[in-house]
Each structure stands twice: as C-alpha cells, then as structure tokens.
Amino acid sequence: MSDVLPVSFRRRISCSLEALSIAWLISGVVFAIFIKGPNTISAWLIWGTLFFVFGWVLVGIQIVAFGDRSLKVNQLLLMLVVGAGGAVVMLLPILVTKVLATKGGYRWSWSPGDFLWPGVAFSIAGPTGWLYRRFLSKERNAAPPQSRTGT
C-alpha cells in the first residue's frame, strides 16, 4: 500500500487552472504574433478566453474528476484524450453551423481548412494535459503540511 495521500479536489482544480492559464497565455502570445491586426488582442481576450473556458468545462472538469487515476494512465494517452477534446471543442462551431445550414442533412462538403483550428487546438490541449499531469504529480509527491512544519 502506498503512503502517498490522494490529491484533494481543491488542489486538482488548482493544478488544472494553472495548466490552463499557462496554455492560454502562451497561445495568446503566439496568436498575437501570427495574427496581426488592430484588434488582435481584443479578439484573443474575447474568443480565445471563450474557447478555453468552454474547453475546460467540457474536458478539464472531467479530467479533474478522474482524480489521481490520471497519474496511472499512460501519459501519451492522456495527452491524446485531452488533445482530442480540445479539437472537438474547436470543431463544434463548424459542426453546428453545418448541421443548421443543411437542416440536419448528411451531405456536407468539408474542406481541409475546416480542420485547421481543431488541429491547432489539439496541439495546444495535448501539452496542457501533460502540464496538468505534471502539476498533479508534483502536488501528490509534496510532503504533507505536518512534515513541513516539523511537528
């Protein structure tokens, strides 16, 4: 039996939000560098934040609820699952638009451009899953508060 205590829900949320905020900040800088224009920062603050929050609600909360078991799952698998979740979040507006435009028909004309932003989201969300796992692992391996105070 392991002497390591499970990480509390509050700390798992904290690790998740920390990983999310780092990914959001790096993505915002990259977005501002590549998409030049007068309202780039405003667009990122509105749309980038919206997609990150939506992604955290759809994917992040479930990973947090998964608990310490995410440390037992293969790291690559966790990154693929989180990356796929990020891609789905970015694909949802396209999918909803196509469904509404065709009134539920199944003959959609997809273009490779439709998968550009979901691909970008996959490449951002995957490392964010790795970062969350790293923060969670650090938190789990940290000494309990009693041993830090010397009591």
Foldseek 3Di string as FASTA:
>chain_A
DDPFDFDDLVLLVVLLVVLLVVLLVVVLVVQCVVDPDDCSNVCCVPVVVVLSVVLCVQPVVVVSVVTPCLLVDPLQVQLQVQLQSQLVSLLVVVVVVQCVVVVNDDDDDDDPVSRPVSVVSSVSRSVSSNSSSVSSVCSRPDDPPVVVVPD
